[in-house]
N, C-alpha and C. Protein backbone atom coordinates (compact mmCIF):
# COMPACT_ATOMS: atom_id res chain seq x y z
N MET A 1 3.41 -29.66 -7.78
CA MET A 1 2.75 -29.73 -6.31
C MET A 1 1.63 -30.92 -6.20
N THR A 2 1.50 -31.71 -5.23
CA THR A 2 0.00 -32.87 -5.14
C THR A 2 -0.40 -32.19 -4.06
N ASP A 3 0.03 -31.13 -3.06
CA ASP A 3 -0.74 -30.79 -2.08
C ASP A 3 -0.20 -29.47 -1.29
N ARG A 4 -1.00 -28.82 -0.63
CA ARG A 4 -0.54 -27.57 -0.27
C ARG A 4 -1.50 -27.61 1.35
N GLY A 5 -0.85 -26.18 2.31
CA GLY A 5 -1.64 -26.48 3.56
C GLY A 5 -1.05 -25.18 3.77
N VAL A 6 -1.77 -24.33 4.59
CA VAL A 6 -1.16 -22.75 5.03
C VAL A 6 -1.89 -22.64 6.41
N ASP A 7 -1.70 -22.66 7.42
CA ASP A 7 -2.35 -22.38 8.84
C ASP A 7 -1.83 -20.87 9.22
N ALA A 8 -2.67 -20.09 9.32
CA ALA A 8 -2.33 -18.86 10.22
C ALA A 8 -2.36 -18.92 11.50
N LEU A 9 -1.06 -18.63 12.19
CA LEU A 9 -0.68 -19.18 13.64
C LEU A 9 -1.45 -17.84 14.43
N ASP A 10 -1.44 -16.58 13.90
CA ASP A 10 -1.55 -15.39 15.10
C ASP A 10 -1.81 -14.28 13.58
N ARG A 11 -2.80 -13.49 13.56
CA ARG A 11 -2.61 -12.48 12.96
C ARG A 11 -3.39 -10.89 13.92
N GLY A 12 -3.18 -9.79 12.99
CA GLY A 12 -3.77 -8.96 13.81
C GLY A 12 -3.36 -7.50 12.95
N CYS A 13 -3.53 -6.54 13.59
CA CYS A 13 -3.34 -5.09 13.34
C CYS A 13 -2.14 -4.63 13.94
N GLY A 14 -0.80 -4.26 12.92
CA GLY A 14 0.49 -3.82 13.62
C GLY A 14 1.25 -4.19 12.29
N ASP A 15 2.64 -4.17 12.47
CA ASP A 15 3.76 -4.06 11.17
C ASP A 15 4.61 -5.31 12.26
N LYS A 16 4.66 -6.37 11.42
CA LYS A 16 6.17 -6.86 11.80
C LYS A 16 7.24 -6.87 10.80
N GLN A 17 8.11 -7.70 11.04
CA GLN A 17 9.08 -7.68 10.42
C GLN A 17 9.07 -9.19 9.24
N ASN A 18 8.65 -8.99 7.75
CA ASN A 18 8.06 -10.13 6.71
C ASN A 18 9.50 -11.23 6.88
N GLU A 19 9.28 -12.07 7.01
CA GLU A 19 10.22 -13.37 7.13
C GLU A 19 9.69 -14.51 6.56
N ILE A 20 10.57 -15.64 5.59
CA ILE A 20 10.53 -16.46 5.17
C ILE A 20 11.53 -17.48 5.74
N SER A 21 11.17 -18.14 6.21
CA SER A 21 11.78 -19.46 6.61
C SER A 21 11.83 -20.84 6.14
N PRO A 22 12.45 -21.08 4.92
CA PRO A 22 12.34 -22.36 4.11
C PRO A 22 12.90 -23.66 4.80
N ARG A 23 12.62 -25.12 4.28
CA ARG A 23 12.88 -26.14 4.81
C ARG A 23 12.38 -26.93 4.08
N TYR A 24 12.99 -28.12 3.03
CA TYR A 24 12.86 -28.35 2.53
C TYR A 24 13.24 -30.22 2.61
N ASP A 25 12.46 -31.24 2.58
CA ASP A 25 12.66 -32.45 3.13
C ASP A 25 12.51 -33.49 1.92
N GLU A 26 13.77 -33.66 1.77
CA GLU A 26 13.58 -34.43 0.68
C GLU A 26 12.82 -36.07 0.43
N SER A 27 13.28 -36.56 1.66
CA SER A 27 12.99 -37.85 1.97
C SER A 27 11.30 -37.96 1.81
N ALA A 28 10.62 -36.47 2.31
CA ALA A 28 9.12 -36.47 1.91
C ALA A 28 8.85 -35.50 0.34
N ASP A 29 9.54 -35.13 0.13
CA ASP A 29 9.30 -34.86 -1.02
C ASP A 29 8.43 -33.75 -0.84
N GLN A 30 8.71 -32.68 0.84
CA GLN A 30 7.62 -31.56 1.07
C GLN A 30 8.58 -30.65 1.28
N LEU A 31 7.90 -29.28 1.18
CA LEU A 31 8.43 -28.09 1.26
C LEU A 31 7.84 -27.75 2.92
N HIS A 32 8.49 -27.44 3.83
CA HIS A 32 7.98 -26.59 5.16
C HIS A 32 7.96 -24.83 5.01
N LEU A 33 7.61 -24.37 5.33
CA LEU A 33 7.24 -22.88 5.82
C LEU A 33 6.95 -22.21 6.81
N GLU A 34 8.17 -21.78 7.55
CA GLU A 34 7.25 -21.11 8.63
C GLU A 34 7.81 -18.93 8.38
N GLY A 35 6.96 -18.61 8.63
CA GLY A 35 6.93 -16.93 8.04
C GLY A 35 5.92 -16.35 8.57
N VAL A 36 6.57 -14.95 8.22
CA VAL A 36 5.18 -13.95 8.70
C VAL A 36 5.15 -13.19 7.91
N LEU A 37 4.13 -12.50 7.17
CA LEU A 37 3.81 -11.68 5.94
C LEU A 37 3.33 -10.31 6.48
N SER A 38 3.67 -9.65 5.97
CA SER A 38 3.37 -8.22 7.07
C SER A 38 3.32 -7.19 6.24
N GLY A 39 2.75 -6.11 6.72
CA GLY A 39 2.72 -4.87 5.67
C GLY A 39 1.63 -4.64 5.03
N THR A 40 0.40 -4.87 4.77
CA THR A 40 -0.75 -5.41 3.81
C THR A 40 -1.79 -4.81 4.40
N THR A 41 -2.58 -3.79 3.65
CA THR A 41 -3.92 -3.61 4.09
C THR A 41 -5.46 -5.10 4.00
N ALA A 42 -4.35 -5.40 3.06
CA ALA A 42 -5.65 -6.67 2.61
C ALA A 42 -6.14 -7.50 3.37
N CYS A 43 -7.55 -8.35 3.86
CA CYS A 43 -8.06 -9.00 4.86
C CYS A 43 -8.51 -10.25 4.37
N GLY A 44 -8.10 -11.41 5.06
CA GLY A 44 -8.64 -13.04 4.12
C GLY A 44 -7.90 -13.91 4.89
N PRO A 45 -8.16 -15.05 4.40
CA PRO A 45 -7.45 -15.78 4.74
C PRO A 45 -5.98 -16.31 3.86
N LEU A 46 -5.28 -17.13 4.23
CA LEU A 46 -3.82 -17.29 3.27
C LEU A 46 -4.12 -18.58 2.55
N ASP A 47 -3.09 -18.42 1.38
CA ASP A 47 -3.19 -19.68 0.41
C ASP A 47 -2.06 -19.46 -0.38
N ILE A 48 -1.63 -20.69 -1.37
CA ILE A 48 -0.51 -21.30 -1.45
C ILE A 48 -0.81 -21.29 -3.20
N THR A 49 0.08 -20.09 -4.15
CA THR A 49 0.14 -20.87 -5.38
C THR A 49 1.22 -21.08 -5.97
N TYR A 50 1.31 -21.63 -7.41
CA TYR A 50 2.72 -22.11 -7.75
C TYR A 50 3.12 -22.00 -9.31
N ALA A 51 3.84 -22.32 -9.56
CA ALA A 51 4.31 -21.88 -10.95
C ALA A 51 5.39 -22.87 -10.68
N TYR A 52 5.48 -23.55 -12.34
CA TYR A 52 6.49 -24.47 -12.86
C TYR A 52 7.06 -24.32 -13.95
N ASN A 53 8.40 -24.36 -13.94
CA ASN A 53 9.19 -24.63 -15.19
C ASN A 53 9.69 -25.71 -15.09
N GLN A 54 9.44 -26.49 -16.53
CA GLN A 54 10.33 -27.75 -16.58
C GLN A 54 11.52 -27.77 -17.07
N GLU A 55 11.94 -26.49 -17.82
CA GLU A 55 12.81 -26.64 -18.16
C GLU A 55 14.29 -26.63 -17.59
N SER A 56 14.06 -26.16 -16.40
CA SER A 56 14.54 -25.68 -15.45
C SER A 56 14.86 -26.77 -14.11
N ASP A 57 13.65 -27.07 -14.13
CA ASP A 57 12.98 -27.79 -13.27
C ASP A 57 13.07 -26.64 -11.75
N ARG A 58 12.22 -25.95 -12.02
CA ARG A 58 12.58 -24.76 -11.07
C ARG A 58 10.72 -24.33 -10.52
N VAL A 59 9.97 -24.58 -9.38
CA VAL A 59 9.42 -24.04 -8.63
C VAL A 59 9.09 -23.07 -7.93
N ILE A 60 8.51 -21.67 -8.17
CA ILE A 60 7.81 -20.56 -7.25
C ILE A 60 6.85 -20.88 -6.79
N VAL A 61 7.03 -21.01 -5.33
CA VAL A 61 5.72 -21.18 -4.49
C VAL A 61 5.96 -19.58 -4.10
N GLU A 62 4.64 -19.21 -3.89
CA GLU A 62 3.78 -18.08 -3.21
C GLU A 62 2.71 -17.94 -2.43
N VAL A 63 3.08 -17.64 -0.93
CA VAL A 63 2.23 -17.50 -0.06
C VAL A 63 1.47 -16.34 -0.32
N ILE A 64 0.28 -16.31 -0.61
CA ILE A 64 -0.86 -14.63 -1.20
C ILE A 64 -1.88 -14.56 -0.19
N LEU A 65 -2.43 -13.37 -0.35
CA LEU A 65 -3.87 -13.72 1.03
C LEU A 65 -4.56 -13.38 0.21
N LEU A 66 -5.59 -13.55 0.48
CA LEU A 66 -6.71 -13.87 -0.39
C LEU A 66 -7.63 -12.77 0.26
N ASN A 67 -8.00 -11.30 -0.38
CA ASN A 67 -8.33 -10.19 0.09
C ASN A 67 -9.98 -10.57 -0.54
N ASP A 68 -10.57 -11.12 0.87
CA ASP A 68 -12.32 -11.32 0.66
C ASP A 68 -13.10 -11.74 2.03
N ASN A 69 -12.63 -10.50 3.13
CA ASN A 69 -13.09 -10.45 4.43
C ASN A 69 -13.25 -9.30 4.67
N GLU A 70 -14.21 -8.65 5.17
CA GLU A 70 -14.14 -7.46 5.59
C GLU A 70 -13.70 -7.15 6.85
N CYS A 71 -12.41 -6.38 7.26
CA CYS A 71 -11.55 -6.27 8.44
C CYS A 71 -11.85 -4.52 8.82
N GLU A 72 -11.01 -4.70 9.85
CA GLU A 72 -11.31 -3.20 9.95
C GLU A 72 -9.69 -2.69 9.44
N SER A 73 -9.51 -1.51 8.98
CA SER A 73 -8.94 -0.95 8.30
C SER A 73 -7.37 -0.72 8.92
N CYS A 74 -6.40 -1.27 8.88
CA CYS A 74 -4.70 -1.32 9.27
C CYS A 74 -4.12 -2.06 8.60
N THR A 75 -3.05 -1.49 9.02
CA THR A 75 -1.87 -2.18 7.98
C THR A 75 -1.74 -3.67 9.07
N ARG A 76 -1.83 -5.11 8.46
CA ARG A 76 -1.96 -6.80 9.18
C ARG A 76 -0.52 -7.13 8.81
N TYR A 77 -0.83 -8.01 9.56
CA TYR A 77 0.23 -9.37 9.61
C TYR A 77 -0.37 -10.60 9.69
N TYR A 78 0.35 -11.61 9.35
CA TYR A 78 0.07 -13.20 9.27
C TYR A 78 1.35 -13.94 9.69
N GLU A 79 0.95 -14.20 10.78
CA GLU A 79 2.09 -15.36 11.63
C GLU A 79 1.55 -16.68 10.85
N TYR A 80 2.59 -17.13 9.86
CA TYR A 80 2.10 -19.39 9.00
C TYR A 80 3.10 -20.05 8.85
N ASP A 81 2.08 -21.37 9.27
CA ASP A 81 2.85 -22.43 9.13
C ASP A 81 2.46 -22.67 7.56
N ALA A 82 3.04 -23.35 6.91
CA ALA A 82 2.79 -24.09 5.04
C ALA A 82 3.46 -25.30 5.21
N THR A 83 3.12 -26.42 4.46
CA THR A 83 3.73 -27.49 4.29
C THR A 83 2.96 -27.59 2.47
N VAL A 84 4.00 -27.36 1.73
CA VAL A 84 3.87 -27.81 0.23
C VAL A 84 4.03 -29.75 -0.44
N SER A 85 3.44 -30.25 -0.90
CA SER A 85 4.33 -31.68 -1.11
C SER A 85 4.67 -31.56 -2.64
N PHE A 86 4.97 -32.45 -3.10
CA PHE A 86 5.61 -32.49 -4.15
C PHE A 86 5.94 -33.81 -5.03
N ARG A 87 5.51 -33.90 -6.16
CA ARG A 87 5.13 -35.35 -6.92
C ARG A 87 7.12 -35.97 -6.75
N LYS A 88 8.00 -35.37 -7.54
CA LYS A 88 9.13 -35.50 -6.67
C LYS A 88 9.83 -34.05 -6.80
N THR A 89 11.40 -34.15 -6.06
CA THR A 89 12.06 -32.92 -5.72
C THR A 89 12.39 -32.17 -7.08
N PRO A 90 12.09 -31.05 -7.00
CA PRO A 90 12.59 -30.39 -7.95
C PRO A 90 13.89 -29.59 -7.51
N ASP A 91 15.18 -29.54 -8.53
CA ASP A 91 15.93 -28.67 -8.48
C ASP A 91 16.08 -27.05 -7.40
N ILE A 92 15.32 -26.59 -7.87
CA ILE A 92 15.05 -24.87 -7.29
C ILE A 92 13.96 -24.85 -6.99
N VAL A 93 14.03 -24.37 -5.60
CA VAL A 93 12.49 -24.10 -4.88
C VAL A 93 12.87 -22.51 -4.78
N ALA A 94 12.10 -21.73 -5.22
CA ALA A 94 11.89 -20.11 -4.91
C ALA A 94 10.87 -20.11 -4.33
N VAL A 95 10.63 -19.08 -2.99
CA VAL A 95 9.61 -19.21 -2.31
C VAL A 95 9.31 -17.41 -2.21
N ALA A 96 7.74 -17.13 -2.13
CA ALA A 96 8.10 -15.52 -2.44
C ALA A 96 6.58 -15.22 -1.51
N HIS A 97 6.47 -14.12 -1.19
CA HIS A 97 5.86 -13.73 -0.38
C HIS A 97 4.92 -12.40 -1.29
N SER A 98 3.50 -12.83 -1.13
CA SER A 98 2.56 -11.70 -2.28
C SER A 98 1.45 -10.94 -1.25
N ALA A 99 1.45 -9.52 -1.65
CA ALA A 99 0.02 -9.41 -1.15
C ALA A 99 -0.84 -8.56 -2.60
N PRO A 100 -1.95 -8.62 -2.45
CA PRO A 100 -2.34 -7.95 -3.74
C PRO A 100 -1.98 -6.98 -4.22
N GLU A 101 -0.96 -6.00 -3.48
CA GLU A 101 -0.25 -4.92 -3.99
C GLU A 101 0.84 -4.91 -4.06
N ASP A 102 1.31 -5.99 -3.86
CA ASP A 102 3.13 -5.87 -4.51
C ASP A 102 3.98 -7.44 -3.67
N VAL A 103 5.17 -7.65 -4.36
CA VAL A 103 5.76 -8.98 -3.90
C VAL A 103 6.58 -8.26 -2.58
N MET A 104 6.38 -8.84 -1.83
CA MET A 104 7.56 -8.47 -0.27
C MET A 104 8.74 -9.28 -0.19
N GLU A 105 8.71 -10.12 -0.55
CA GLU A 105 9.83 -10.99 0.44
C GLU A 105 10.31 -12.11 -0.72
N MET A 106 11.79 -12.48 -0.41
CA MET A 106 11.80 -13.97 -1.72
C MET A 106 12.70 -14.52 -1.13
N ARG A 107 12.51 -15.85 -1.17
CA ARG A 107 13.85 -16.63 -1.25
C ARG A 107 14.05 -17.92 -1.78
N ALA A 108 15.48 -18.08 -2.17
CA ALA A 108 15.65 -19.62 -3.23
C ALA A 108 16.33 -20.78 -2.34
N LEU A 109 15.96 -21.97 -2.63
CA LEU A 109 16.77 -22.87 -1.82
C LEU A 109 17.04 -23.75 -3.45
N VAL A 110 18.34 -23.51 -3.48
CA VAL A 110 18.51 -24.60 -4.15
C VAL A 110 19.17 -26.16 -3.93
N ILE A 111 18.63 -26.89 -4.47
CA ILE A 111 18.48 -28.92 -3.75
C ILE A 111 18.92 -29.23 -4.58
N GLU A 112 20.41 -29.82 -4.12
CA GLU A 112 21.00 -30.64 -4.79
C GLU A 112 20.60 -32.56 -5.13
N GLU A 113 20.40 -32.56 -5.90
CA GLU A 113 19.47 -34.14 -5.99
C GLU A 113 20.62 -35.31 -7.21
N GLU A 114 20.55 -36.33 -6.99
CA GLU A 114 21.47 -37.00 -7.14
C GLU A 114 20.44 -38.09 -8.33
N THR A 115 21.18 -37.73 -9.69
CA THR A 115 19.79 -38.49 -10.59
C THR A 115 20.55 -40.27 -10.77
N THR A 116 19.45 -40.83 -10.98
CA THR A 116 20.08 -42.06 -11.32
C THR A 116 19.33 -42.56 -12.23
N THR A 117 19.91 -43.11 -13.34
CA THR A 117 19.12 -44.03 -14.26
C THR A 117 19.63 -45.95 -14.08
N ALA A 118 17.79 -46.07 -14.45
CA ALA A 118 18.08 -47.59 -14.40
C ALA A 118 18.35 -48.29 -15.12
N PRO A 119 19.17 -49.20 -15.14
CA PRO A 119 19.57 -50.03 -16.10
C PRO A 119 18.67 -50.52 -16.61
N ALA A 120 18.86 -50.44 -18.20
CA ALA A 120 18.12 -50.88 -19.62
C ALA A 120 17.86 -52.71 -19.65
């Protein structure tokens, strides 16, 4: 991963359906996410973490909530847009929501990529 950013579009008390809508732009080596993270009592800004398995060329991207703000006690939701940039397109990208308490939602994209070898 070379760059990442996540913007909370809406947040508040209440319960909404957890959703992740991933879209991969191979021409830009970027993953775009729209989603709703819901069902948590944690409060704070959103962030993105990742893990990479070189052997399988698989990247796991996780939208997390940094529980570092004082907020009213309630079940919360966060609607967001996020972009993750890669040095090169991985074969598989798995996307997850996480709250400090548990993993809520998971989606995977299998990206078919043509591999070419330059002549020697």
